[in-house]
Amino acid sequence: MPKIEAKAKAAELQRQIATLTGHDLAQVKPYGKHLLIQMHRDDSVDTIARLTEFARNSYSSAFRSHTGRWEPLPGSGDLATTAELVVSLLGPYLDPNT
């Protein structure tokens, strides 16, 4: 994914997550072919999940486990569909009060 396109996709995903969660504490950072979803709390940043574009406008997602390994989440789809999937499955990790 070219750098400018990756930044645009990250901004779009960040807006979608903010809409779905009702807050803007989740930030999205492009990292190579991945979009990292991170929660900013106080002085720490936790990487919660990542989306990987495996075909044009098709994404898979993975969750960062407590061991630091990436565990795949079920399902894939366009950016909006995958954002909804991540928020529905990982809602507690994206809650600003936890």
N, C-alpha and C. Protein backbone atom coordinates (compact mmCIF):
# COMPACT_ATOMS: atom_id res chain seq x y z
N MET A 1 0.85 -1.16 0.00
CA MET A 1 0.00 0.00 0.00
C MET A 1 0.91 1.24 0.00
N PRO A 2 0.80 2.12 -1.00
CA PRO A 2 1.62 3.33 -1.01
C PRO A 2 1.38 4.19 0.23
N LYS A 3 2.38 4.96 0.58
CA LYS A 3 2.35 5.72 1.83
C LYS A 3 1.16 6.69 1.92
N ILE A 4 0.87 7.42 0.88
CA ILE A 4 -0.24 8.39 0.91
C ILE A 4 -1.58 7.65 1.04
N GLU A 5 -1.73 6.57 0.29
CA GLU A 5 -2.96 5.78 0.37
C GLU A 5 -3.10 5.15 1.76
N ALA A 6 -2.00 4.68 2.34
CA ALA A 6 -2.05 4.08 3.68
C ALA A 6 -2.49 5.11 4.72
N LYS A 7 -2.00 6.34 4.61
CA LYS A 7 -2.41 7.38 5.56
C LYS A 7 -3.89 7.70 5.41
N ALA A 8 -4.37 7.73 4.18
CA ALA A 8 -5.80 7.99 3.94
C ALA A 8 -6.66 6.86 4.50
N LYS A 9 -6.24 5.61 4.29
CA LYS A 9 -6.98 4.46 4.83
C LYS A 9 -6.96 4.47 6.36
N ALA A 10 -5.82 4.84 6.94
CA ALA A 10 -5.73 4.92 8.40
C ALA A 10 -6.68 5.98 8.95
N ALA A 11 -6.73 7.12 8.31
CA ALA A 11 -7.63 8.19 8.75
C ALA A 11 -9.10 7.76 8.62
N GLU A 12 -9.42 7.08 7.52
CA GLU A 12 -10.78 6.60 7.32
C GLU A 12 -11.16 5.57 8.39
N LEU A 13 -10.26 4.63 8.68
CA LEU A 13 -10.52 3.61 9.69
C LEU A 13 -10.66 4.27 11.06
N GLN A 14 -9.84 5.25 11.35
CA GLN A 14 -9.91 5.94 12.64
C GLN A 14 -11.26 6.63 12.81
N ARG A 15 -11.77 7.27 11.75
CA ARG A 15 -13.10 7.91 11.81
C ARG A 15 -14.19 6.87 12.04
N GLN A 16 -14.09 5.74 11.37
CA GLN A 16 -15.09 4.69 11.54
C GLN A 16 -15.09 4.13 12.95
N ILE A 17 -13.92 3.90 13.51
CA ILE A 17 -13.82 3.39 14.88
C ILE A 17 -14.37 4.41 15.86
N ALA A 18 -14.07 5.68 15.67
CA ALA A 18 -14.59 6.73 16.55
C ALA A 18 -16.12 6.75 16.51
N THR A 19 -16.68 6.60 15.34
CA THR A 19 -18.14 6.57 15.19
C THR A 19 -18.73 5.35 15.90
N LEU A 20 -18.10 4.21 15.72
CA LEU A 20 -18.62 2.96 16.30
C LEU A 20 -18.46 2.91 17.82
N THR A 21 -17.38 3.48 18.35
CA THR A 21 -17.13 3.42 19.79
C THR A 21 -17.66 4.63 20.55
N GLY A 22 -17.86 5.72 19.86
CA GLY A 22 -18.34 6.93 20.52
C GLY A 22 -17.25 7.75 21.19
N HIS A 23 -16.00 7.45 20.90
CA HIS A 23 -14.88 8.24 21.43
C HIS A 23 -13.74 8.24 20.42
N ASP A 24 -12.79 9.13 20.63
CA ASP A 24 -11.67 9.24 19.69
C ASP A 24 -10.33 8.88 20.31
N LEU A 25 -10.34 8.02 21.31
CA LEU A 25 -9.09 7.61 21.95
C LEU A 25 -8.35 6.52 21.18
N ALA A 26 -9.05 5.84 20.29
CA ALA A 26 -8.41 4.83 19.45
C ALA A 26 -7.78 5.55 18.25
N GLN A 27 -6.52 5.31 18.03
CA GLN A 27 -5.79 5.91 16.92
C GLN A 27 -5.36 4.80 15.97
N VAL A 28 -5.26 5.13 14.69
CA VAL A 28 -4.83 4.14 13.68
C VAL A 28 -3.54 4.64 13.05
N LYS A 29 -2.58 3.75 13.00
CA LYS A 29 -1.26 4.09 12.47
C LYS A 29 -0.92 3.13 11.33
N PRO A 30 -0.59 3.65 10.15
CA PRO A 30 -0.15 2.75 9.09
C PRO A 30 1.24 2.20 9.41
N TYR A 31 1.42 0.92 9.13
CA TYR A 31 2.70 0.28 9.40
C TYR A 31 2.92 -0.77 8.32
N GLY A 32 3.65 -0.40 7.29
CA GLY A 32 3.85 -1.30 6.16
C GLY A 32 2.52 -1.59 5.50
N LYS A 33 2.18 -2.86 5.36
CA LYS A 33 0.90 -3.22 4.76
C LYS A 33 -0.22 -3.35 5.79
N HIS A 34 0.05 -2.95 7.02
CA HIS A 34 -0.91 -3.08 8.11
C HIS A 34 -1.43 -1.71 8.55
N LEU A 35 -2.60 -1.73 9.16
CA LEU A 35 -3.15 -0.58 9.86
C LEU A 35 -3.28 -0.99 11.32
N LEU A 36 -2.48 -0.38 12.20
CA LEU A 36 -2.48 -0.74 13.61
C LEU A 36 -3.51 0.09 14.36
N ILE A 37 -4.35 -0.55 15.14
CA ILE A 37 -5.33 0.13 15.98
C ILE A 37 -4.76 0.19 17.38
N GLN A 38 -4.58 1.41 17.87
CA GLN A 38 -3.93 1.61 19.16
C GLN A 38 -4.83 2.43 20.08
N MET A 39 -4.79 2.09 21.37
CA MET A 39 -5.51 2.86 22.38
C MET A 39 -4.50 3.70 23.15
N HIS A 40 -4.80 4.98 23.28
CA HIS A 40 -3.96 5.91 24.01
C HIS A 40 -4.62 6.16 25.37
N ARG A 41 -3.96 5.72 26.42
CA ARG A 41 -4.45 5.92 27.79
C ARG A 41 -3.32 6.52 28.60
N ASP A 42 -3.61 7.64 29.23
CA ASP A 42 -2.61 8.34 30.04
C ASP A 42 -1.31 8.49 29.24
N ASP A 43 -0.24 7.87 29.72
CA ASP A 43 1.05 7.98 29.04
C ASP A 43 1.42 6.71 28.28
N SER A 44 0.46 5.80 28.10
CA SER A 44 0.78 4.54 27.42
C SER A 44 -0.02 4.39 26.13
N VAL A 45 0.53 3.59 25.25
CA VAL A 45 -0.12 3.26 23.99
C VAL A 45 -0.14 1.75 23.88
N ASP A 46 -1.33 1.18 23.75
CA ASP A 46 -1.49 -0.26 23.59
C ASP A 46 -1.96 -0.57 22.18
N THR A 47 -1.23 -1.42 21.48
CA THR A 47 -1.67 -1.85 20.16
C THR A 47 -2.64 -3.00 20.36
N ILE A 48 -3.89 -2.79 19.94
CA ILE A 48 -4.97 -3.72 20.19
C ILE A 48 -5.15 -4.70 19.03
N ALA A 49 -5.16 -4.18 17.82
CA ALA A 49 -5.45 -5.02 16.66
C ALA A 49 -4.76 -4.45 15.43
N ARG A 50 -4.78 -5.23 14.36
CA ARG A 50 -4.26 -4.73 13.09
C ARG A 50 -5.15 -5.25 11.97
N LEU A 51 -5.25 -4.45 10.95
CA LEU A 51 -5.92 -4.83 9.72
C LEU A 51 -4.86 -4.95 8.65
N THR A 52 -4.98 -5.97 7.82
CA THR A 52 -4.02 -6.20 6.74
C THR A 52 -4.79 -6.29 5.44
N GLU A 53 -4.39 -5.46 4.47
CA GLU A 53 -5.03 -5.51 3.16
C GLU A 53 -4.44 -6.69 2.39
N PHE A 54 -5.27 -7.70 2.08
CA PHE A 54 -4.78 -8.86 1.35
C PHE A 54 -5.19 -8.84 -0.11
N ALA A 55 -6.12 -7.98 -0.48
CA ALA A 55 -6.52 -7.75 -1.87
C ALA A 55 -7.04 -6.31 -1.90
N ARG A 56 -7.22 -5.78 -3.07
CA ARG A 56 -7.67 -4.38 -3.15
C ARG A 56 -8.98 -4.21 -2.40
N ASN A 57 -8.95 -3.36 -1.36
CA ASN A 57 -10.11 -3.06 -0.52
C ASN A 57 -10.69 -4.27 0.20
N SER A 58 -9.88 -5.28 0.46
CA SER A 58 -10.28 -6.43 1.27
C SER A 58 -9.27 -6.59 2.40
N TYR A 59 -9.79 -6.69 3.62
CA TYR A 59 -8.93 -6.70 4.80
C TYR A 59 -9.22 -7.90 5.68
N SER A 60 -8.17 -8.40 6.31
CA SER A 60 -8.30 -9.37 7.39
C SER A 60 -7.87 -8.66 8.67
N SER A 61 -8.23 -9.21 9.81
CA SER A 61 -7.86 -8.57 11.07
C SER A 61 -7.24 -9.58 12.02
N ALA A 62 -6.48 -9.06 12.95
CA ALA A 62 -5.84 -9.89 13.96
C ALA A 62 -5.81 -9.13 15.27
N PHE A 63 -5.81 -9.89 16.36
CA PHE A 63 -5.80 -9.36 17.72
C PHE A 63 -4.44 -9.63 18.34
N ARG A 64 -3.93 -8.67 19.07
CA ARG A 64 -2.64 -8.86 19.74
C ARG A 64 -2.90 -9.49 21.10
N SER A 65 -2.48 -10.73 21.26
CA SER A 65 -2.72 -11.45 22.51
C SER A 65 -1.76 -10.98 23.60
N HIS A 66 -1.99 -11.45 24.81
CA HIS A 66 -1.13 -11.07 25.93
C HIS A 66 0.31 -11.55 25.76
N THR A 67 0.53 -12.52 24.89
CA THR A 67 1.89 -13.01 24.63
C THR A 67 2.61 -12.18 23.58
N GLY A 68 1.87 -11.26 22.94
CA GLY A 68 2.45 -10.44 21.90
C GLY A 68 2.27 -11.02 20.51
N ARG A 69 1.69 -12.21 20.42
CA ARG A 69 1.45 -12.84 19.11
C ARG A 69 0.18 -12.28 18.49
N TRP A 70 0.14 -12.28 17.17
CA TRP A 70 -1.05 -11.85 16.44
C TRP A 70 -1.93 -13.07 16.20
N GLU A 71 -3.15 -13.02 16.72
CA GLU A 71 -4.12 -14.09 16.55
C GLU A 71 -5.18 -13.62 15.56
N PRO A 72 -5.43 -14.38 14.50
CA PRO A 72 -6.41 -13.93 13.50
C PRO A 72 -7.82 -13.88 14.06
N LEU A 73 -8.58 -12.89 13.63
CA LEU A 73 -10.00 -12.79 13.98
C LEU A 73 -10.80 -13.36 12.82
N PRO A 74 -11.97 -13.91 13.10
CA PRO A 74 -12.77 -14.49 12.02
C PRO A 74 -13.34 -13.40 11.12
N GLY A 75 -13.48 -13.71 9.86
CA GLY A 75 -14.11 -12.79 8.92
C GLY A 75 -13.13 -11.86 8.25
N SER A 76 -13.57 -11.31 7.15
CA SER A 76 -12.81 -10.32 6.40
C SER A 76 -13.79 -9.53 5.56
N GLY A 77 -13.33 -8.46 4.97
CA GLY A 77 -14.21 -7.65 4.13
C GLY A 77 -13.59 -6.31 3.84
N ASP A 78 -14.42 -5.37 3.40
CA ASP A 78 -13.92 -4.03 3.13
C ASP A 78 -13.60 -3.34 4.46
N LEU A 79 -13.10 -2.14 4.39
CA LEU A 79 -12.64 -1.44 5.59
C LEU A 79 -13.75 -1.25 6.60
N ALA A 80 -14.93 -0.84 6.16
CA ALA A 80 -16.05 -0.60 7.08
C ALA A 80 -16.51 -1.89 7.75
N THR A 81 -16.62 -2.96 6.98
CA THR A 81 -17.05 -4.25 7.53
C THR A 81 -16.06 -4.77 8.55
N THR A 82 -14.78 -4.66 8.23
CA THR A 82 -13.74 -5.15 9.14
C THR A 82 -13.67 -4.29 10.39
N ALA A 83 -13.89 -2.98 10.26
CA ALA A 83 -13.92 -2.10 11.44
C ALA A 83 -15.05 -2.50 12.37
N GLU A 84 -16.24 -2.77 11.82
CA GLU A 84 -17.37 -3.21 12.64
C GLU A 84 -17.07 -4.52 13.34
N LEU A 85 -16.42 -5.44 12.63
CA LEU A 85 -16.06 -6.73 13.21
C LEU A 85 -15.11 -6.54 14.39
N VAL A 86 -14.07 -5.74 14.20
CA VAL A 86 -13.08 -5.52 15.25
C VAL A 86 -13.73 -4.86 16.47
N VAL A 87 -14.55 -3.85 16.26
CA VAL A 87 -15.19 -3.16 17.38
C VAL A 87 -16.16 -4.10 18.10
N SER A 88 -16.89 -4.92 17.38
CA SER A 88 -17.83 -5.82 18.04
C SER A 88 -17.10 -6.92 18.83
N LEU A 89 -16.00 -7.43 18.31
CA LEU A 89 -15.27 -8.50 18.99
C LEU A 89 -14.35 -7.99 20.10
N LEU A 90 -13.80 -6.80 19.91
CA LEU A 90 -12.78 -6.29 20.85
C LEU A 90 -13.26 -5.05 21.61
N GLY A 91 -14.56 -4.87 21.70
CA GLY A 91 -15.13 -3.71 22.38
C GLY A 91 -14.53 -3.40 23.74
N PRO A 92 -14.38 -4.40 24.63
CA PRO A 92 -13.80 -4.10 25.95
C PRO A 92 -12.38 -3.53 25.89
N TYR A 93 -11.61 -3.94 24.90
CA TYR A 93 -10.24 -3.42 24.76
C TYR A 93 -10.23 -1.99 24.22
N LEU A 94 -11.32 -1.61 23.58
CA LEU A 94 -11.43 -0.26 23.01
C LEU A 94 -12.21 0.68 23.92
N ASP A 95 -12.61 0.18 25.08
CA ASP A 95 -13.35 0.99 26.06
C ASP A 95 -12.36 1.88 26.80
N PRO A 96 -12.61 3.20 26.81
CA PRO A 96 -11.65 4.09 27.49
C PRO A 96 -11.63 3.94 29.01
N ASN A 97 -12.60 3.26 29.58
CA ASN A 97 -12.67 3.13 31.04
C ASN A 97 -12.04 1.83 31.55
N THR A 98 -11.44 1.04 30.65
CA THR A 98 -10.80 -0.20 31.10
C THR A 98 -9.32 -0.15 30.94
